[in-house]
PDB file of N, CA and C in Angstrom:
ATOM      1  N   MET A   1      25.282  52.021-106.562  1.00  0.00           N
ATOM      2  CA  MET A   1      26.342  51.019-106.533  1.00  0.00           C
ATOM      3  C   MET A   1      26.121  50.176-105.306  1.00  0.00           C
ATOM      4  N   ARG A   2      25.588  50.540-104.104  1.00  0.00           N
ATOM      5  CA  ARG A   2      25.494  49.628-102.805  1.00  0.00           C
ATOM      6  C   ARG A   2      24.384  48.839-103.037  1.00  0.00           C
ATOM      7  N   THR A   3      23.447  49.020-104.128  1.00  0.00           N
ATOM      8  CA  THR A   3      22.296  47.819-104.202  1.00  0.00           C
ATOM      9  C   THR A   3      22.913  46.687-105.091  1.00  0.00           C
ATOM     10  N   ARG A   4      23.683  47.116-106.195  1.00  0.00           N
ATOM     11  CA  ARG A   4      24.401  45.980-106.886  1.00  0.00           C
ATOM     12  C   ARG A   4      25.344  45.168-105.888  1.00  0.00           C
ATOM     13  N   PHE A   5      25.884  45.920-104.881  1.00  0.00           N
ATOM     14  CA  PHE A   5      26.706  45.016-104.213  1.00  0.00           C
ATOM     15  C   PHE A   5      25.843  44.181-103.485  1.00  0.00           C
ATOM     16  N   MET A   6      24.910  44.443-102.871  1.00  0.00           N
ATOM     17  CA  MET A   6      23.989  43.802-101.871  1.00  0.00           C
ATOM     18  C   MET A   6      23.470  42.355-102.715  1.00  0.00           C
ATOM     19  N   PHE A   7      23.224  42.731-103.998  1.00  0.00           N
ATOM     20  CA  PHE A   7      22.519  41.759-104.862  1.00  0.00           C
ATOM     21  C   PHE A   7      23.673  40.737-105.133  1.00  0.00           C
ATOM     22  N   ASP A   8      24.964  41.076-105.306  1.00  0.00           N
ATOM     23  CA  ASP A   8      25.866  40.083-105.676  1.00  0.00           C
ATOM     24  C   ASP A   8      26.334  39.312-104.536  1.00  0.00           C
ATOM     25  N   PHE A   9      26.474  40.155-103.446  1.00  0.00           N
ATOM     26  CA  PHE A   9      26.785  39.617-102.111  1.00  0.00           C
ATOM     27  C   PHE A   9      25.533  38.342-101.595  1.00  0.00           C
ATOM     28  N   ALA A  10      24.485  38.613-102.009  1.00  0.00           N
ATOM     29  CA  ALA A  10      23.429  37.721-101.635  1.00  0.00           C
ATOM     30  C   ALA A  10      23.574  36.612-102.341  1.00  0.00           C
ATOM     31  N   LYS A  11      23.853  36.680-103.595  1.00  0.00           N
ATOM     32  CA  LYS A  11      23.977  35.682-104.588  1.00  0.00           C
ATOM     33  C   LYS A  11      25.381  34.789-103.856  1.00  0.00           C
ATOM     34  N   THR A  12      26.140  35.354-103.551  1.00  0.00           N
ATOM     35  CA  THR A  12      27.493  34.822-103.182  1.00  0.00           C
ATOM     36  C   THR A  12      27.126  33.921-101.864  1.00  0.00           C
ATOM     37  N   VAL A  13      26.412  34.517-100.861  1.00  0.00           N
ATOM     38  CA  VAL A  13      26.073  33.969 -99.621  1.00  0.00           C
ATOM     39  C   VAL A  13      25.283  32.704 -99.953  1.00  0.00           C
ATOM     40  N   LEU A  14      24.218  32.660-100.886  1.00  0.00           N
ATOM     41  CA  LEU A  14      23.410  31.648-101.160  1.00  0.00           C
ATOM     42  C   LEU A  14      23.877  30.491-101.795  1.00  0.00           C
ATOM     43  N   ILE A  15      25.198  30.813-102.859  1.00  0.00           N
ATOM     44  CA  ILE A  15      25.822  29.713-103.316  1.00  0.00           C
ATOM     45  C   ILE A  15      26.614  29.050-102.160  1.00  0.00           C
ATOM     46  N   ASN A  16      27.208  29.904-101.358  1.00  0.00           N
ATOM     47  CA  ASN A  16      28.004  29.159-100.233  1.00  0.00           C
ATOM     48  C   ASN A  16      27.403  28.294 -99.296  1.00  0.00           C
ATOM     49  N   VAL A  17      26.047  28.425 -99.075  1.00  0.00           N
ATOM     50  CA  VAL A  17      25.246  27.735 -98.043  1.00  0.00           C
ATOM     51  C   VAL A  17      24.452  26.924 -98.700  1.00  0.00           C
ATOM     52  N   SER A  18      24.610  26.504-100.232  1.00  0.00           N
ATOM     53  CA  SER A  18      23.535  25.712-100.822  1.00  0.00           C
ATOM     54  C   SER A  18      23.611  24.142-100.340  1.00  0.00           C
ATOM     55  N   PHE A  19      24.691  23.807 -99.480  1.00  0.00           N
ATOM     56  CA  PHE A  19      24.900  22.604 -99.209  1.00  0.00           C
ATOM     57  C   PHE A  19      23.871  22.390 -97.881  1.00  0.00           C
ATOM     58  N   ASP A  20      23.113  23.246 -97.624  1.00  0.00           N
ATOM     59  CA  ASP A  20      22.196  22.764 -96.270  1.00  0.00           C
ATOM     60  C   ASP A  20      20.781  23.689 -96.692  1.00  0.00           C
ATOM     61  N   PRO A  21      19.721  22.972 -97.204  1.00  0.00           N
ATOM     62  CA  PRO A  21      18.437  23.708 -97.406  1.00  0.00           C
ATOM     63  C   PRO A  21      18.026  24.629 -96.484  1.00  0.00           C
ATOM     64  N   SER A  22      18.094  24.272 -95.228  1.00  0.00           N
ATOM     65  CA  SER A  22      17.500  24.952 -94.308  1.00  0.00           C
ATOM     66  C   SER A  22      18.082  26.736 -94.240  1.00  0.00           C
ATOM     67  N   LEU A  23      19.551  26.310 -94.236  1.00  0.00           N
ATOM     68  CA  LEU A  23      20.393  27.757 -94.230  1.00  0.00           C
ATOM     69  C   LEU A  23      20.169  28.475 -95.421  1.00  0.00           C
ATOM     70  N   PHE A  24      19.897  27.697 -96.627  1.00  0.00           N
ATOM     71  CA  PHE A  24      19.802  28.452 -97.872  1.00  0.00           C
ATOM     72  C   PHE A  24      18.206  29.097 -97.844  1.00  0.00           C
ATOM     73  N   TYR A  25      17.508  28.769 -97.151  1.00  0.00           N
ATOM     74  CA  TYR A  25      16.165  29.328 -97.125  1.00  0.00           C
ATOM     75  C   TYR A  25      16.263  30.587 -96.241  1.00  0.00           C
ATOM     76  N   LYS A  26      16.860  30.255 -95.006  1.00  0.00           N
ATOM     77  CA  LYS A  26      17.152  31.280 -93.998  1.00  0.00           C
ATOM     78  C   LYS A  26      18.005  32.586 -94.581  1.00  0.00           C
ATOM     79  N   GLU A  27      19.032  32.191 -95.484  1.00  0.00           N
ATOM     80  CA  GLU A  27      19.910  33.325 -95.835  1.00  0.00           C
ATOM     81  C   GLU A  27      19.029  33.910 -97.112  1.00  0.00           C
ATOM     82  N   LEU A  28      18.223  33.155 -97.876  1.00  0.00           N
ATOM     83  CA  LEU A  28      17.345  33.504 -99.012  1.00  0.00           C
ATOM     84  C   LEU A  28      15.956  34.436 -98.397  1.00  0.00           C
ATOM     85  N   GLU A  29      15.559  34.398 -97.391  1.00  0.00           N
ATOM     86  CA  GLU A  29      14.492  35.139 -96.768  1.00  0.00           C
ATOM     87  C   GLU A  29      15.477  36.436 -96.251  1.00  0.00           C
ATOM     88  N   LYS A  30      16.591  36.566 -95.614  1.00  0.00           N
ATOM     89  CA  LYS A  30      17.439  37.654 -95.476  1.00  0.00           C
ATOM     90  C   LYS A  30      17.565  38.541 -96.806  1.00  0.00           C
ATOM     91  N   ALA A  31      17.822  37.976 -97.507  1.00  0.00           N
ATOM     92  CA  ALA A  31      18.181  38.850 -98.853  1.00  0.00           C
ATOM     93  C   ALA A  31      16.777  39.399 -99.446  1.00  0.00           C
ATOM     94  N   LEU A  32      15.752  38.821 -99.414  1.00  0.00           N
ATOM     95  CA  LEU A  32      14.567  39.345 -99.854  1.00  0.00           C
ATOM     96  C   LEU A  32      13.931  40.371 -99.123  1.00  0.00           C
ATOM     97  N   LYS A  33      14.245  40.313 -97.746  1.00  0.00           N
ATOM     98  CA  LYS A  33      13.810  41.503 -96.945  1.00  0.00           C
ATOM     99  C   LYS A  33      14.834  42.457 -97.144  1.00  0.00           C
ATOM    100  N   SER A  34      15.965  42.624 -97.674  1.00  0.00           N
ATOM    101  CA  SER A  34      17.032  43.635 -97.706  1.00  0.00           C
ATOM    102  C   SER A  34      17.289  44.187 -99.048  1.00  0.00           C
ATOM    103  N   LEU A  35      16.668  43.479-100.009  1.00  0.00           N
ATOM    104  CA  LEU A  35      17.016  43.935-101.618  1.00  0.00           C
ATOM    105  C   LEU A  35      15.672  44.914-101.973  1.00  0.00           C
ATOM    106  N   LEU A  36      15.848  45.684-102.991  1.00  0.00           N
ATOM    107  CA  LEU A  36      14.956  46.365-103.672  1.00  0.00           C
ATOM    108  C   LEU A  36      14.038  45.469-104.557  1.00  0.00           C
ATOM    109  N   PRO A  37      12.649  45.991-104.808  1.00  0.00           N
ATOM    110  CA  PRO A  37      11.900  45.117-105.398  1.00  0.00           C
ATOM    111  C   PRO A  37      12.342  44.716-106.699  1.00  0.00           C
ATOM    112  N   TYR A  38      12.988  45.253-107.564  1.00  0.00           N
ATOM    113  CA  TYR A  38      13.589  44.900-108.708  1.00  0.00           C
ATOM    114  C   TYR A  38      14.650  43.916-108.541  1.00  0.00           C
ATOM    115  N   GLU A  39      15.423  44.075-107.462  1.00  0.00           N
ATOM    116  CA  GLU A  39      16.353  43.003-107.175  1.00  0.00           C
ATOM    117  C   GLU A  39      15.823  41.581-106.836  1.00  0.00           C
ATOM    118  N   VAL A  40      14.827  41.946-106.093  1.00  0.00           N
ATOM    119  CA  VAL A  40      14.071  40.830-105.570  1.00  0.00           C
ATOM    120  C   VAL A  40      13.569  39.966-106.777  1.00  0.00           C
ATOM    121  N   GLU A  41      12.889  40.733-107.931  1.00  0.00           N
ATOM    122  CA  GLU A  41      12.666  39.924-109.186  1.00  0.00           C
ATOM    123  C   GLU A  41      13.859  39.171-110.002  1.00  0.00           C
ATOM    124  N   GLN A  42      15.127  39.848-109.818  1.00  0.00           N
ATOM    125  CA  GLN A  42      16.415  39.444-110.477  1.00  0.00           C
ATOM    126  C   GLN A  42      16.706  38.089-109.703  1.00  0.00           C
ATOM    127  N   LEU A  43      16.692  38.231-108.391  1.00  0.00           N
ATOM    128  CA  LEU A  43      17.190  37.280-107.524  1.00  0.00           C
ATOM    129  C   LEU A  43      16.326  35.951-107.787  1.00  0.00           C
ATOM    130  N   GLY A  44      14.768  36.254-107.799  1.00  0.00           N
ATOM    131  CA  GLY A  44      13.880  35.171-107.923  1.00  0.00           C
ATOM    132  C   GLY A  44      14.493  34.641-109.463  1.00  0.00           C
ATOM    133  N   ASP A  45      14.611  35.175-110.313  1.00  0.00           N
ATOM    134  CA  ASP A  45      15.126  34.538-111.526  1.00  0.00           C
ATOM    135  C   ASP A  45      16.311  33.693-111.392  1.00  0.00           C
ATOM    136  N   TRP A  46      17.318  34.297-110.685  1.00  0.00           N
ATOM    137  CA  TRP A  46      18.372  33.684-110.463  1.00  0.00           C
ATOM    138  C   TRP A  46      18.376  32.175-109.595  1.00  0.00           C
ATOM    139  N   VAL A  47      17.362  32.369-108.621  1.00  0.00           N
ATOM    140  CA  VAL A  47      17.034  31.225-107.768  1.00  0.00           C
ATOM    141  C   VAL A  47      16.206  30.037-108.526  1.00  0.00           C
ATOM    142  N   ASN A  48      15.689  30.579-109.452  1.00  0.00           N
ATOM    143  CA  ASN A  48      14.838  29.539-110.235  1.00  0.00           C
ATOM    144  C   ASN A  48      15.852  28.734-111.181  1.00  0.00           C
ATOM    145  N   ALA A  49      16.687  29.377-111.806  1.00  0.00           N
ATOM    146  CA  ALA A  49      17.640  28.961-112.538  1.00  0.00           C
ATOM    147  C   ALA A  49      18.825  27.957-111.502  1.00  0.00           C
ATOM    148  N   TYR A  50      19.067  28.332-110.395  1.00  0.00           N
ATOM    149  CA  TYR A  50      20.087  27.930-109.792  1.00  0.00           C
ATOM    150  C   TYR A  50      19.471  26.459-109.079  1.00  0.00           C
ATOM    151  N   VAL A  51      18.353  26.453-108.703  1.00  0.00           N
ATOM    152  CA  VAL A  51      17.788  25.146-107.771  1.00  0.00           C
ATOM    153  C   VAL A  51      17.144  24.219-108.934  1.00  0.00           C
ATOM    154  N   LYS A  52      17.384  24.420-109.860  1.00  0.00           N
ATOM    155  CA  LYS A  52      17.057  23.378-110.970  1.00  0.00           C
ATOM    156  C   LYS A  52      18.071  22.082-111.089  1.00  0.00           C
ATOM    157  N   ALA A  53      19.008  22.526-110.808  1.00  0.00           N
ATOM    158  CA  ALA A  53      20.124  21.434-110.542  1.00  0.00           C
ATOM    159  C   ALA A  53      20.332  21.030-109.205  1.00  0.00           C
ATOM    160  N   LYS A  54      19.585  21.652-108.102  1.00  0.00           N
ATOM    161  CA  LYS A  54      19.625  21.072-106.789  1.00  0.00           C
ATOM    162  C   LYS A  54      18.322  20.914-106.366  1.00  0.00           C
ATOM    163  N   PRO A  55      17.742  19.643-106.475  1.00  0.00           N
ATOM    164  CA  PRO A  55      16.285  19.544-106.098  1.00  0.00           C
ATOM    165  C   PRO A  55      16.117  19.756-104.637  1.00  0.00           C
ATOM    166  N   GLU A  56      16.914  19.576-103.825  1.00  0.00           N
ATOM    167  CA  GLU A  56      16.947  19.522-102.359  1.00  0.00           C
ATOM    168  C   GLU A  56      16.505  21.293-102.028  1.00  0.00           C
ATOM    169  N   LEU A  57      16.798  22.066-102.802  1.00  0.00           N
ATOM    170  CA  LEU A  57      16.574  23.430-102.712  1.00  0.00           C
ATOM    171  C   LEU A  57      15.241  23.984-103.097  1.00  0.00           C
ATOM    172  N   HIS A  58      14.408  23.011-103.702  1.00  0.00           N
ATOM    173  CA  HIS A  58      13.148  23.476-104.295  1.00  0.00           C
ATOM    174  C   HIS A  58      12.093  24.252-103.381  1.00  0.00           C
ATOM    175  N   GLU A  59      12.158  23.582-102.007  1.00  0.00           N
ATOM    176  CA  GLU A  59      11.502  24.362-101.177  1.00  0.00           C
ATOM    177  C   GLU A  59      11.522  26.027-100.948  1.00  0.00           C
ATOM    178  N   SER A  60      12.693  26.433-101.339  1.00  0.00           N
ATOM    179  CA  SER A  60      12.974  27.906-101.358  1.00  0.00           C
ATOM    180  C   SER A  60      12.229  28.672-102.432  1.00  0.00           C
ATOM    181  N   LEU A  61      11.807  27.899-103.416  1.00  0.00           N
ATOM    182  CA  LEU A  61      10.874  28.567-104.468  1.00  0.00           C
ATOM    183  C   LEU A  61       9.422  29.047-104.036  1.00  0.00           C
ATOM    184  N   ASP A  62       8.919  28.489-102.847  1.00  0.00           N
ATOM    185  CA  ASP A  62       7.782  28.900-102.313  1.00  0.00           C
ATOM    186  C   ASP A  62       8.011  30.223-101.726  1.00  0.00           C
ATOM    187  N   LEU A  63       9.047  30.670-101.107  1.00  0.00           N
ATOM    188  CA  LEU A  63       9.337  31.687-100.670  1.00  0.00           C
ATOM    189  C   LEU A  63       9.519  32.837-101.774  1.00  0.00           C
ATOM    190  N   ILE A  64      10.071  32.458-102.872  1.00  0.00           N
ATOM    191  CA  ILE A  64      10.152  33.399-104.153  1.00  0.00           C
ATOM    192  C   ILE A  64       8.823  33.744-104.264  1.00  0.00           C
ATOM    193  N   GLU A  65       8.045  32.911-104.559  1.00  0.00           N
ATOM    194  CA  GLU A  65       6.774  33.069-104.833  1.00  0.00           C
ATOM    195  C   GLU A  65       5.974  33.972-104.113  1.00  0.00           C
ATOM    196  N   ALA A  66       6.132  33.791-102.811  1.00  0.00           N
ATOM    197  CA  ALA A  66       5.490  34.660-101.831  1.00  0.00           C
ATOM    198  C   ALA A  66       5.736  36.089-101.780  1.00  0.00           C
ATOM    199  N   TYR A  67       6.901  36.257-102.474  1.00  0.00           N
ATOM    200  CA  TYR A  67       7.174  37.798-102.380  1.00  0.00           C
ATOM    201  C   TYR A  67       7.002  38.435-103.644  1.00  0.00           C
TER     202      TYR A  67
END
């Protein structure tokens, strides 16, 4: 249960900071460090879909690919 909470919390934080690309990148980095491997994969899928509508956040895709 804790892990699902962390995953949902990470998504909520990322949505709330998406107005600032550098802050989004930092929070994404934190989330990737704290989640389990299968959650990192799920978060990567979610980020890929989320940033399609926000081109200013495309830099964060590089961070996902590095994990």
